């Protein structure tokens, strides 16, 4: 049940951010749900491998390289999900930062643990 709530919150946030941010386009709420699902799968399986391989760079940049990895996950999601597009890398980075912050805030309000 918690997973469904997290996916629903993420889908709502993706839809809202796409409406307010220029450069992020989502066709429908169903597409947002698919984006939320694909992002959670990518963050669970692919992101840890990328973080492991880029650990020296991440340590050297005091963790700021994780922002780049998050943006790459968003860009990779645009390749997988039809109907979800992000115009540039910098837009993906801003999108991922805002999405992460708002997810953290909403998960705290709903009592979810990250």
PDB file of N, CA and C in Angstrom:
ATOM      1  N   UNK A   1       0.812  -1.191   0.000  1.00  0.00           N
ATOM      2  CA  UNK A   1       0.000   0.000   0.000  1.00  0.00           C
ATOM      3  C   UNK A   1       0.857   1.258   0.000  1.00  0.00           C
ATOM      4  N   UNK A   2       1.965   1.196   0.755  1.00  0.00           N
ATOM      5  CA  UNK A   2       2.853   2.349   0.809  1.00  0.00           C
ATOM      6  C   UNK A   2       3.468   2.629  -0.561  1.00  0.00           C
ATOM      7  N   UNK A   3       3.794   1.566  -1.293  1.00  0.00           N
ATOM      8  CA  UNK A   3       4.376   1.730  -2.618  1.00  0.00           C
ATOM      9  C   UNK A   3       3.387   2.415  -3.562  1.00  0.00           C
ATOM     10  N   UNK A   4       2.126   2.021  -3.489  1.00  0.00           N
ATOM     11  CA  UNK A   4       1.110   2.652  -4.336  1.00  0.00           C
ATOM     12  C   UNK A   4       0.933   4.131  -3.997  1.00  0.00           C
ATOM     13  N   UNK A   5       0.965   4.450  -2.707  1.00  0.00           N
ATOM     14  CA  UNK A   5       0.859   5.850  -2.291  1.00  0.00           C
ATOM     15  C   UNK A   5       2.052   6.657  -2.790  1.00  0.00           C
ATOM     16  N   UNK A   6       3.241   6.079  -2.690  1.00  0.00           N
ATOM     17  CA  UNK A   6       4.448   6.770  -3.174  1.00  0.00           C
ATOM     18  C   UNK A   6       4.386   6.988  -4.681  1.00  0.00           C
ATOM     19  N   UNK A   7       3.933   5.982  -5.422  1.00  0.00           N
ATOM     20  CA  UNK A   7       3.811   6.132  -6.873  1.00  0.00           C
ATOM     21  C   UNK A   7       2.778   7.185  -7.234  1.00  0.00           C
ATOM     22  N   UNK A   8       1.674   7.209  -6.509  1.00  0.00           N
ATOM     23  CA  UNK A   8       0.635   8.197  -6.774  1.00  0.00           C
ATOM     24  C   UNK A   8       1.122   9.607  -6.470  1.00  0.00           C
ATOM     25  N   UNK A   9       1.818   9.782  -5.359  1.00  0.00           N
ATOM     26  CA  UNK A   9       2.372  11.099  -5.017  1.00  0.00           C
ATOM     27  C   UNK A   9       3.370  11.534  -6.070  1.00  0.00           C
ATOM     28  N   UNK A  10       4.241  10.635  -6.486  1.00  0.00           N
ATOM     29  CA  UNK A  10       5.234  10.973  -7.506  1.00  0.00           C
ATOM     30  C   UNK A  10       4.571  11.323  -8.831  1.00  0.00           C
ATOM     31  N   UNK A  11       3.537  10.585  -9.209  1.00  0.00           N
ATOM     32  CA  UNK A  11       2.826  10.872 -10.457  1.00  0.00           C
ATOM     33  C   UNK A  11       2.156  12.247 -10.405  1.00  0.00           C
ATOM     34  N   UNK A  12       1.563  12.577  -9.275  1.00  0.00           N
ATOM     35  CA  UNK A  12       0.945  13.902  -9.129  1.00  0.00           C
ATOM     36  C   UNK A  12       1.999  14.996  -9.224  1.00  0.00           C
ATOM     37  N   UNK A  13       3.137  14.782  -8.580  1.00  0.00           N
ATOM     38  CA  UNK A  13       4.213  15.777  -8.635  1.00  0.00           C
ATOM     39  C   UNK A  13       4.774  15.928 -10.048  1.00  0.00           C
ATOM     40  N   UNK A  14       4.920  14.822 -10.761  1.00  0.00           N
ATOM     41  CA  UNK A  14       5.403  14.895 -12.145  1.00  0.00           C
ATOM     42  C   UNK A  14       4.433  15.708 -12.996  1.00  0.00           C
ATOM     43  N   UNK A  15       3.142  15.468 -12.811  1.00  0.00           N
ATOM     44  CA  UNK A  15       2.133  16.221 -13.570  1.00  0.00           C
ATOM     45  C   UNK A  15       2.181  17.704 -13.226  1.00  0.00           C
ATOM     46  N   UNK A  16       2.256  18.019 -11.937  1.00  0.00           N
ATOM     47  CA  UNK A  16       2.303  19.423 -11.519  1.00  0.00           C
ATOM     48  C   UNK A  16       3.567  20.123 -12.023  1.00  0.00           C
ATOM     49  N   UNK A  17       4.702  19.449 -11.893  1.00  0.00           N
ATOM     50  CA  UNK A  17       5.955  20.052 -12.354  1.00  0.00           C
ATOM     51  C   UNK A  17       5.951  20.250 -13.861  1.00  0.00           C
ATOM     52  N   UNK A  18       5.369  19.319 -14.589  1.00  0.00           N
ATOM     53  CA  UNK A  18       5.298  19.466 -16.045  1.00  0.00           C
ATOM     54  C   UNK A  18       4.415  20.657 -16.424  1.00  0.00           C
ATOM     55  N   UNK A  19       3.390  20.931 -15.625  1.00  0.00           N
ATOM     56  CA  UNK A  19       2.524  22.080 -15.911  1.00  0.00           C
ATOM     57  C   UNK A  19       3.188  23.401 -15.582  1.00  0.00           C
ATOM     58  N   UNK A  20       4.061  23.412 -14.575  1.00  0.00           N
ATOM     59  CA  UNK A  20       4.680  24.662 -14.147  1.00  0.00           C
ATOM     60  C   UNK A  20       6.049  24.916 -14.752  1.00  0.00           C
ATOM     61  N   UNK A  21       6.751  23.867 -15.156  1.00  0.00           N
ATOM     62  CA  UNK A  21       8.098  24.025 -15.705  1.00  0.00           C
ATOM     63  C   UNK A  21       8.056  24.010 -17.221  1.00  0.00           C
ATOM     64  N   UNK A  22       8.721  24.965 -17.809  1.00  0.00           N
ATOM     65  CA  UNK A  22       8.904  24.916 -19.248  1.00  0.00           C
ATOM     66  C   UNK A  22       9.978  23.893 -19.570  1.00  0.00           C
ATOM     67  N   UNK A  23       9.786  23.140 -20.610  1.00  0.00           N
ATOM     68  CA  UNK A  23      10.786  22.163 -21.011  1.00  0.00           C
ATOM     69  C   UNK A  23      10.483  20.752 -20.572  1.00  0.00           C
ATOM     70  N   UNK A  24       9.465  20.558 -19.730  1.00  0.00           N
ATOM     71  CA  UNK A  24       9.039  19.228 -19.303  1.00  0.00           C
ATOM     72  C   UNK A  24       7.621  19.034 -19.809  1.00  0.00           C
ATOM     73  N   UNK A  25       7.408  17.950 -20.553  1.00  0.00           N
ATOM     74  CA  UNK A  25       6.108  17.714 -21.171  1.00  0.00           C
ATOM     75  C   UNK A  25       5.629  16.304 -20.853  1.00  0.00           C
ATOM     76  N   UNK A  26       4.398  16.218 -20.344  1.00  0.00           N
ATOM     77  CA  UNK A  26       3.767  14.936 -20.042  1.00  0.00           C
ATOM     78  C   UNK A  26       2.412  14.943 -20.731  1.00  0.00           C
ATOM     79  N   UNK A  27       2.118  13.884 -21.474  1.00  0.00           N
ATOM     80  CA  UNK A  27       0.875  13.819 -22.236  1.00  0.00           C
ATOM     81  C   UNK A  27      -0.372  13.685 -21.370  1.00  0.00           C
ATOM     82  N   UNK A  28      -0.326  12.820 -20.357  1.00  0.00           N
ATOM     83  CA  UNK A  28      -1.518  12.577 -19.551  1.00  0.00           C
ATOM     84  C   UNK A  28      -1.101  12.125 -18.159  1.00  0.00           C
ATOM     85  N   UNK A  29      -2.110  11.980 -17.287  1.00  0.00           N
ATOM     86  CA  UNK A  29      -1.821  11.495 -15.945  1.00  0.00           C
ATOM     87  C   UNK A  29      -1.375  10.031 -15.975  1.00  0.00           C
ATOM     88  N   UNK A  30      -1.900   9.270 -16.909  1.00  0.00           N
ATOM     89  CA  UNK A  30      -1.451   7.882 -17.050  1.00  0.00           C
ATOM     90  C   UNK A  30       0.037   7.834 -17.390  1.00  0.00           C
ATOM     91  N   UNK A  31       0.474   8.747 -18.240  1.00  0.00           N
ATOM     92  CA  UNK A  31       1.898   8.841 -18.556  1.00  0.00           C
ATOM     93  C   UNK A  31       2.698   9.192 -17.309  1.00  0.00           C
ATOM     94  N   UNK A  32       2.161  10.067 -16.468  1.00  0.00           N
ATOM     95  CA  UNK A  32       2.838  10.409 -15.211  1.00  0.00           C
ATOM     96  C   UNK A  32       2.956   9.212 -14.291  1.00  0.00           C
ATOM     97  N   UNK A  33       1.920   8.384 -14.254  1.00  0.00           N
ATOM     98  CA  UNK A  33       1.997   7.160 -13.454  1.00  0.00           C
ATOM     99  C   UNK A  33       3.072   6.220 -13.979  1.00  0.00           C
ATOM    100  N   UNK A  34       3.179   6.117 -15.293  1.00  0.00           N
ATOM    101  CA  UNK A  34       4.207   5.270 -15.904  1.00  0.00           C
ATOM    102  C   UNK A  34       5.589   5.847 -15.617  1.00  0.00           C
ATOM    103  N   UNK A  35       5.720   7.178 -15.691  1.00  0.00           N
ATOM    104  CA  UNK A  35       6.995   7.831 -15.374  1.00  0.00           C
ATOM    105  C   UNK A  35       7.378   7.541 -13.927  1.00  0.00           C
ATOM    106  N   UNK A  36       6.432   7.637 -13.008  1.00  0.00           N
ATOM    107  CA  UNK A  36       6.710   7.360 -11.598  1.00  0.00           C
ATOM    108  C   UNK A  36       7.169   5.911 -11.411  1.00  0.00           C
ATOM    109  N   UNK A  37       6.521   4.993 -12.097  1.00  0.00           N
ATOM    110  CA  UNK A  37       6.895   3.583 -11.997  1.00  0.00           C
ATOM    111  C   UNK A  37       8.283   3.330 -12.581  1.00  0.00           C
ATOM    112  N   UNK A  38       8.538   3.879 -13.766  1.00  0.00           N
ATOM    113  CA  UNK A  38       9.842   3.683 -14.417  1.00  0.00           C
ATOM    114  C   UNK A  38      10.955   4.337 -13.600  1.00  0.00           C
ATOM    115  N   UNK A  39      10.709   5.540 -13.064  1.00  0.00           N
ATOM    116  CA  UNK A  39      11.722   6.193 -12.233  1.00  0.00           C
ATOM    117  C   UNK A  39      12.032   5.378 -10.983  1.00  0.00           C
ATOM    118  N   UNK A  40      11.017   4.807 -10.373  1.00  0.00           N
ATOM    119  CA  UNK A  40      11.276   3.995  -9.181  1.00  0.00           C
ATOM    120  C   UNK A  40      12.069   2.741  -9.534  1.00  0.00           C
ATOM    121  N   UNK A  41      11.781   2.142 -10.674  1.00  0.00           N
ATOM    122  CA  UNK A  41      12.540   0.955 -11.111  1.00  0.00           C
ATOM    123  C   UNK A  41      13.985   1.335 -11.443  1.00  0.00           C
ATOM    124  N   UNK A  42      14.165   2.439 -12.161  1.00  0.00           N
ATOM    125  CA  UNK A  42      15.515   2.891 -12.491  1.00  0.00           C
ATOM    126  C   UNK A  42      16.308   3.224 -11.232  1.00  0.00           C
ATOM    127  N   UNK A  43      15.667   3.913 -10.287  1.00  0.00           N
ATOM    128  CA  UNK A  43      16.353   4.282  -9.050  1.00  0.00           C
ATOM    129  C   UNK A  43      16.673   3.075  -8.180  1.00  0.00           C
ATOM    130  N   UNK A  44      15.912   2.005  -8.325  1.00  0.00           N
ATOM    131  CA  UNK A  44      16.161   0.814  -7.526  1.00  0.00           C
ATOM    132  C   UNK A  44      17.239  -0.080  -8.135  1.00  0.00           C
ATOM    133  N   UNK A  45      17.237  -0.222  -9.459  1.00  0.00           N
ATOM    134  CA  UNK A  45      18.150  -1.167 -10.100  1.00  0.00           C
ATOM    135  C   UNK A  45      19.379  -0.512 -10.742  1.00  0.00           C
ATOM    136  N   UNK A  46      19.191   0.556 -11.485  1.00  0.00           N
ATOM    137  CA  UNK A  46      20.271   1.138 -12.287  1.00  0.00           C
ATOM    138  C   UNK A  46      21.096   2.153 -11.504  1.00  0.00           C
ATOM    139  N   UNK A  47      20.424   3.016 -10.741  1.00  0.00           N
ATOM    140  CA  UNK A  47      21.141   4.085 -10.038  1.00  0.00           C
ATOM    141  C   UNK A  47      22.230   3.575  -9.098  1.00  0.00           C
ATOM    142  N   UNK A  48      22.001   2.531  -8.299  1.00  0.00           N
ATOM    143  CA  UNK A  48      23.091   2.065  -7.421  1.00  0.00           C
ATOM    144  C   UNK A  48      24.332   1.606  -8.185  1.00  0.00           C
ATOM    145  N   UNK A  49      24.136   1.031  -9.348  1.00  0.00           N
ATOM    146  CA  UNK A  49      25.281   0.593 -10.150  1.00  0.00           C
ATOM    147  C   UNK A  49      26.056   1.801 -10.653  1.00  0.00           C
ATOM    148  N   UNK A  50      25.343   2.813 -11.130  1.00  0.00           N
ATOM    149  CA  UNK A  50      26.003   4.028 -11.620  1.00  0.00           C
ATOM    150  C   UNK A  50      26.709   4.748 -10.474  1.00  0.00           C
ATOM    151  N   UNK A  51      26.069   4.810  -9.319  1.00  0.00           N
ATOM    152  CA  UNK A  51      26.690   5.455  -8.155  1.00  0.00           C
ATOM    153  C   UNK A  51      27.968   4.718  -7.762  1.00  0.00           C
ATOM    154  N   UNK A  52      27.939   3.405  -7.808  1.00  0.00           N
ATOM    155  CA  UNK A  52      29.124   2.623  -7.459  1.00  0.00           C
ATOM    156  C   UNK A  52      30.279   2.907  -8.418  1.00  0.00           C
ATOM    157  N   UNK A  53      29.987   2.951  -9.722  1.00  0.00           N
ATOM    158  CA  UNK A  53      31.044   3.198 -10.702  1.00  0.00           C
ATOM    159  C   UNK A  53      31.568   4.629 -10.662  1.00  0.00           C
ATOM    160  N   UNK A  54      30.744   5.560 -10.229  1.00  0.00           N
ATOM    161  CA  UNK A  54      31.163   6.964 -10.198  1.00  0.00           C
ATOM    162  C   UNK A  54      31.505   7.434  -8.788  1.00  0.00           C
ATOM    163  N   UNK A  55      31.741   6.504  -7.887  1.00  0.00           N
ATOM    164  CA  UNK A  55      32.023   6.845  -6.500  1.00  0.00           C
ATOM    165  C   UNK A  55      33.217   7.786  -6.325  1.00  0.00           C
ATOM    166  N   UNK A  56      34.333   7.593  -7.042  1.00  0.00           N
ATOM    167  CA  UNK A  56      35.440   8.545  -6.875  1.00  0.00           C
ATOM    168  C   UNK A  56      35.056   9.981  -7.270  1.00  0.00           C
ATOM    169  N   UNK A  57      34.308  10.124  -8.343  1.00  0.00           N
ATOM    170  CA  UNK A  57      33.878  11.461  -8.771  1.00  0.00           C
ATOM    171  C   UNK A  57      32.905  12.043  -7.742  1.00  0.00           C
ATOM    172  N   UNK A  58      32.031  11.211  -7.226  1.00  0.00           N
ATOM    173  CA  UNK A  58      31.063  11.658  -6.232  1.00  0.00           C
ATOM    174  C   UNK A  58      31.771  12.120  -4.960  1.00  0.00           C
ATOM    175  N   UNK A  59      32.772  11.387  -4.530  1.00  0.00           N
ATOM    176  CA  UNK A  59      33.529  11.783  -3.343  1.00  0.00           C
ATOM    177  C   UNK A  59      34.292  13.069  -3.610  1.00  0.00           C
ATOM    178  N   UNK A  60      34.909  13.170  -4.783  1.00  0.00           N
ATOM    179  CA  UNK A  60      35.685  14.357  -5.130  1.00  0.00           C
ATOM    180  C   UNK A  60      34.812  15.615  -5.178  1.00  0.00           C
ATOM    181  N   UNK A  61      33.565  15.463  -5.612  1.00  0.00           N
ATOM    182  CA  UNK A  61      32.663  16.622  -5.715  1.00  0.00           C
ATOM    183  C   UNK A  61      31.775  16.769  -4.480  1.00  0.00           C
ATOM    184  N   UNK A  62      32.115  16.052  -3.407  1.00  0.00           N
ATOM    185  CA  UNK A  62      31.363  16.113  -2.151  1.00  0.00           C
ATOM    186  C   UNK A  62      29.882  15.773  -2.343  1.00  0.00           C
ATOM    187  N   UNK A  63      29.595  14.837  -3.223  1.00  0.00           N
ATOM    188  CA  UNK A  63      28.242  14.356  -3.432  1.00  0.00           C
ATOM    189  C   UNK A  63      27.430  15.108  -4.475  1.00  0.00           C
ATOM    190  N   UNK A  64      27.964  16.194  -4.998  1.00  0.00           N
ATOM    191  CA  UNK A  64      27.210  16.979  -5.983  1.00  0.00           C
ATOM    192  C   UNK A  64      27.019  16.230  -7.299  1.00  0.00           C
ATOM    193  N   UNK A  65      27.875  15.264  -7.569  1.00  0.00           N
ATOM    194  CA  UNK A  65      27.719  14.493  -8.797  1.00  0.00           C
ATOM    195  C   UNK A  65      26.442  13.650  -8.779  1.00  0.00           C
ATOM    196  N   UNK A  66      25.888  13.419  -7.594  1.00  0.00           N
ATOM    197  CA  UNK A  66      24.620  12.692  -7.502  1.00  0.00           C
ATOM    198  C   UNK A  66      23.495  13.460  -8.195  1.00  0.00           C
ATOM    199  N   UNK A  67      23.596  14.787  -8.245  1.00  0.00           N
ATOM    200  CA  UNK A  67      22.619  15.585  -8.985  1.00  0.00           C
ATOM    201  C   UNK A  67      22.677  15.253 -10.471  1.00  0.00           C
ATOM    202  N   UNK A  68      23.876  15.062 -10.972  1.00  0.00           N
ATOM    203  CA  UNK A  68      24.055  14.696 -12.378  1.00  0.00           C
ATOM    204  C   UNK A  68      23.464  13.306 -12.630  1.00  0.00           C
ATOM    205  N   UNK A  69      23.689  12.390 -11.703  1.00  0.00           N
ATOM    206  CA  UNK A  69      23.145  11.043 -11.854  1.00  0.00           C
ATOM    207  C   UNK A  69      21.620  11.082 -11.853  1.00  0.00           C
ATOM    208  N   UNK A  70      21.034  11.897 -10.977  1.00  0.00           N
ATOM    209  CA  UNK A  70      19.573  12.033 -10.956  1.00  0.00           C
ATOM    210  C   UNK A  70      19.051  12.592 -12.272  1.00  0.00           C
ATOM    211  N   UNK A  71      19.734  13.573 -12.821  1.00  0.00           N
ATOM    212  CA  UNK A  71      19.327  14.141 -14.112  1.00  0.00           C
ATOM    213  C   UNK A  71      19.443  13.097 -15.220  1.00  0.00           C
ATOM    214  N   UNK A  72      20.476  12.276 -15.163  1.00  0.00           N
ATOM    215  CA  UNK A  72      20.630  11.210 -16.150  1.00  0.00           C
ATOM    216  C   UNK A  72      19.511  10.177 -16.042  1.00  0.00           C
ATOM    217  N   UNK A  73      19.047   9.914 -14.827  1.00  0.00           N
ATOM    218  CA  UNK A  73      17.919   8.995 -14.647  1.00  0.00           C
ATOM    219  C   UNK A  73      16.648   9.576 -15.287  1.00  0.00           C
ATOM    220  N   UNK A  74      16.458  10.877 -15.162  1.00  0.00           N
ATOM    221  CA  UNK A  74      15.308  11.539 -15.792  1.00  0.00           C
ATOM    222  C   UNK A  74      15.441  11.455 -17.310  1.00  0.00           C
ATOM    223  N   UNK A  75      16.635  11.730 -17.832  1.00  0.00           N
ATOM    224  CA  UNK A  75      16.842  11.674 -19.279  1.00  0.00           C
ATOM    225  C   UNK A  75      16.647  10.246 -19.800  1.00  0.00           C
ATOM    226  N   UNK A  76      17.100   9.263 -19.041  1.00  0.00           N
ATOM    227  CA  UNK A  76      16.911   7.870 -19.441  1.00  0.00           C
ATOM    228  C   UNK A  76      15.428   7.498 -19.431  1.00  0.00           C
ATOM    229  N   UNK A  77      14.697   8.064 -18.487  1.00  0.00           N
ATOM    230  CA  UNK A  77      13.252   7.815 -18.411  1.00  0.00           C
ATOM    231  C   UNK A  77      12.535   8.384 -19.636  1.00  0.00           C
ATOM    232  N   UNK A  78      13.028   9.495 -20.172  1.00  0.00           N
ATOM    233  CA  UNK A  78      12.404  10.063 -21.379  1.00  0.00           C
ATOM    234  C   UNK A  78      12.587   9.140 -22.581  1.00  0.00           C
ATOM    235  N   UNK A  79      13.665   8.364 -22.586  1.00  0.00           N
ATOM    236  CA  UNK A  79      13.884   7.418 -23.674  1.00  0.00           C
ATOM    237  C   UNK A  79      12.962   6.209 -23.570  1.00  0.00           C
ATOM    238  N   UNK A  80      12.584   5.855 -22.355  1.00  0.00           N
ATOM    239  CA  UNK A  80      11.771   4.667 -22.129  1.00  0.00           C
ATOM    240  C   UNK A  80      10.280   4.966 -22.260  1.00  0.00           C
ATOM    241  N   UNK A  81       9.843   6.083 -21.692  1.00  0.00           N
ATOM    242  CA  UNK A  81       8.410   6.391 -21.616  1.00  0.00           C
ATOM    243  C   UNK A  81       8.022   7.326 -22.753  1.00  0.00           C
ATOM    244  N   UNK A  82       7.144   6.861 -23.601  1.00  0.00           N
ATOM    245  CA  UNK A  82       6.616   7.717 -24.656  1.00  0.00           C
ATOM    246  C   UNK A  82       5.618   8.696 -24.055  1.00  0.00           C
ATOM    247  N   UNK A  83       5.637   9.930 -24.526  1.00  0.00           N
ATOM    248  CA  UNK A  83       4.736  10.943 -23.992  1.00  0.00           C
ATOM    249  C   UNK A  83       5.342  11.750 -22.871  1.00  0.00           C
ATOM    250  N   UNK A  84       6.573  11.434 -22.479  1.00  0.00           N
ATOM    251  CA  UNK A  84       7.288  12.191 -21.453  1.00  0.00           C
ATOM    252  C   UNK A  84       8.577  12.695 -22.079  1.00  0.00           C
ATOM    253  N   UNK A  85       8.716  14.009 -22.162  1.00  0.00           N
ATOM    254  CA  UNK A  85       9.916  14.589 -22.750  1.00  0.00           C
ATOM    255  C   UNK A  85      10.464  15.690 -21.852  1.00  0.00           C
ATOM    256  N   UNK A  86      11.774  15.789 -21.860  1.00  0.00           N
ATOM    257  CA  UNK A  86      12.486  16.860 -21.169  1.00  0.00           C
ATOM    258  C   UNK A  86      13.428  17.456 -22.205  1.00  0.00           C
ATOM    259  N   UNK A  87      13.376  18.780 -22.350  1.00  0.00           N
ATOM    260  CA  UNK A  87      14.082  19.435 -23.449  1.00  0.00           C
ATOM    261  C   UNK A  87      15.599  19.387 -23.344  1.00  0.00           C
ATOM    262  N   UNK A  88      16.150  19.544 -22.136  1.00  0.00           N
ATOM    263  CA  UNK A  88      17.614  19.614 -22.027  1.00  0.00           C
ATOM    264  C   UNK A  88      18.081  18.955 -20.729  1.00  0.00           C
ATOM    265  N   UNK A  89      19.375  18.771 -20.650  1.00  0.00           N
ATOM    266  CA  UNK A  89      19.974  18.189 -19.450  1.00  0.00           C
ATOM    267  C   UNK A  89      19.746  19.078 -18.241  1.00  0.00           C
ATOM    268  N   UNK A  90      19.894  20.392 -18.424  1.00  0.00           N
ATOM    269  CA  UNK A  90      19.734  21.327 -17.305  1.00  0.00           C
ATOM    270  C   UNK A  90      18.294  21.364 -16.813  1.00  0.00           C
ATOM    271  N   UNK A  91      17.350  21.225 -17.731  1.00  0.00           N
ATOM    272  CA  UNK A  91      15.947  21.128 -17.335  1.00  0.00           C
ATOM    273  C   UNK A  91      15.718  19.850 -16.543  1.00  0.00           C
ATOM    274  N   UNK A  92      16.339  18.761 -16.977  1.00  0.00           N
ATOM    275  CA  UNK A  92      16.224  17.487 -16.244  1.00  0.00           C
ATOM    276  C   UNK A  92      16.832  17.603 -14.856  1.00  0.00           C
ATOM    277  N   UNK A  93      17.934  18.327 -14.739  1.00  0.00           N
ATOM    278  CA  UNK A  93      18.563  18.494 -13.432  1.00  0.00           C
ATOM    279  C   UNK A  93      17.660  19.304 -12.498  1.00  0.00           C
ATOM    280  N   UNK A  94      17.116  20.408 -12.994  1.00  0.00           N
ATOM    281  CA  UNK A  94      16.213  21.219 -12.182  1.00  0.00           C
ATOM    282  C   UNK A  94      14.963  20.422 -11.818  1.00  0.00           C
ATOM    283  N   UNK A  95      14.424  19.686 -12.772  1.00  0.00           N
ATOM    284  CA  UNK A  95      13.254  18.846 -12.539  1.00  0.00           C
ATOM    285  C   UNK A  95      13.534  17.816 -11.449  1.00  0.00           C
ATOM    286  N   UNK A  96      14.696  17.166 -11.518  1.00  0.00           N
ATOM    287  CA  UNK A  96      15.013  16.127 -10.537  1.00  0.00           C
ATOM    288  C   UNK A  96      15.216  16.717  -9.147  1.00  0.00           C
ATOM    289  N   UNK A  97      15.816  17.898  -9.063  1.00  0.00           N
ATOM    290  CA  UNK A  97      16.021  18.537  -7.760  1.00  0.00           C
ATOM    291  C   UNK A  97      14.681  18.917  -7.139  1.00  0.00           C
ATOM    292  N   UNK A  98      13.822  19.565  -7.921  1.00  0.00           N
ATOM    293  CA  UNK A  98      12.512  19.974  -7.397  1.00  0.00           C
ATOM    294  C   UNK A  98      11.674  18.752  -7.048  1.00  0.00           C
ATOM    295  N   UNK A  99      11.713  17.724  -7.894  1.00  0.00           N
ATOM    296  CA  UNK A  99      10.960  16.500  -7.618  1.00  0.00           C
ATOM    297  C   UNK A  99      11.442  15.847  -6.331  1.00  0.00           C
ATOM    298  N   UNK A 100      12.733  15.769  -6.126  1.00  0.00           N
ATOM    299  CA  UNK A 100      13.278  15.146  -4.916  1.00  0.00           C
ATOM    300  C   UNK A 100      12.883  15.913  -3.659  1.00  0.00           C
ATOM    301  N   UNK A 101      12.974  17.234  -3.726  1.00  0.00           N
ATOM    302  CA  UNK A 101      12.630  18.049  -2.556  1.00  0.00           C
ATOM    303  C   UNK A 101      11.150  17.927  -2.224  1.00  0.00           C
ATOM    304  N   UNK A 102      10.298  18.032  -3.230  1.00  0.00           N
ATOM    305  CA  UNK A 102       8.862  17.960  -2.970  1.00  0.00           C
ATOM    306  C   UNK A 102       8.443  16.551  -2.544  1.00  0.00           C
ATOM    307  N   UNK A 103       9.087  15.527  -3.088  1.00  0.00           N
ATOM    308  CA  UNK A 103       8.801  14.164  -2.635  1.00  0.00           C
ATOM    309  C   UNK A 103       9.158  14.009  -1.161  1.00  0.00           C
ATOM    310  N   UNK A 104      10.310  14.496  -0.775  1.00  0.00           N
ATOM    311  CA  UNK A 104      10.727  14.387   0.620  1.00  0.00           C
ATOM    312  C   UNK A 104       9.747  15.084   1.546  1.00  0.00           C
ATOM    313  N   UNK A 105       9.330  16.284   1.158  1.00  0.00           N
ATOM    314  CA  UNK A 105       8.376  17.027   1.981  1.00  0.00           C
ATOM    315  C   UNK A 105       7.035  16.303   2.087  1.00  0.00           C
ATOM    316  N   UNK A 106       6.521  15.839   0.974  1.00  0.00           N
ATOM    317  CA  UNK A 106       5.223  15.163   0.992  1.00  0.00           C
ATOM    318  C   UNK A 106       5.280  13.812   1.684  1.00  0.00           C
ATOM    319  N   UNK A 107       6.381  13.089   1.537  1.00  0.00           N
ATOM    320  CA  UNK A 107       6.504  11.805   2.214  1.00  0.00           C
ATOM    321  C   UNK A 107       6.574  12.015   3.726  1.00  0.00           C
ATOM    322  N   UNK A 108       7.187  13.122   4.167  1.00  0.00           N
ATOM    323  CA  UNK A 108       7.209  13.428   5.594  1.00  0.00           C
ATOM    324  C   UNK A 108       5.812  13.782   6.098  1.00  0.00           C
ATOM    325  N   UNK A 109       5.061  14.529   5.303  1.00  0.00           N
ATOM    326  CA  UNK A 109       3.703  14.909   5.701  1.00  0.00           C
ATOM    327  C   UNK A 109       2.768  13.710   5.779  1.00  0.00           C
ATOM    328  N   UNK A 110       2.963  12.733   4.891  1.00  0.00           N
ATOM    329  CA  UNK A 110       2.101  11.558   4.898  1.00  0.00           C
ATOM    330  C   UNK A 110       2.608  10.461   5.822  1.00  0.00           C
ATOM    331  N   UNK A 111       3.753  10.684   6.452  1.00  0.00           N
ATOM    332  CA  UNK A 111       4.277   9.690   7.381  1.00  0.00           C
ATOM    333  C   UNK A 111       5.098   8.608   6.715  1.00  0.00           C
ATOM    334  N   UNK A 112       5.407   8.766   5.430  1.00  0.00           N
ATOM    335  CA  UNK A 112       6.211   7.781   4.713  1.00  0.00           C
ATOM    336  C   UNK A 112       7.681   7.985   5.065  1.00  0.00           C
ATOM    337  N   UNK A 113       8.414   6.893   5.130  1.00  0.00           N
ATOM    338  CA  UNK A 113       9.854   6.977   5.325  1.00  0.00           C
ATOM    339  C   UNK A 113      10.530   6.807   3.986  1.00  0.00           C
ATOM    340  N   UNK A 114      11.576   7.575   3.737  1.00  0.00           N
ATOM    341  CA  UNK A 114      12.261   7.513   2.445  1.00  0.00           C
ATOM    342  C   UNK A 114      13.173   6.384   2.356  1.00  0.00           C
TER     343      UNK A 114
END
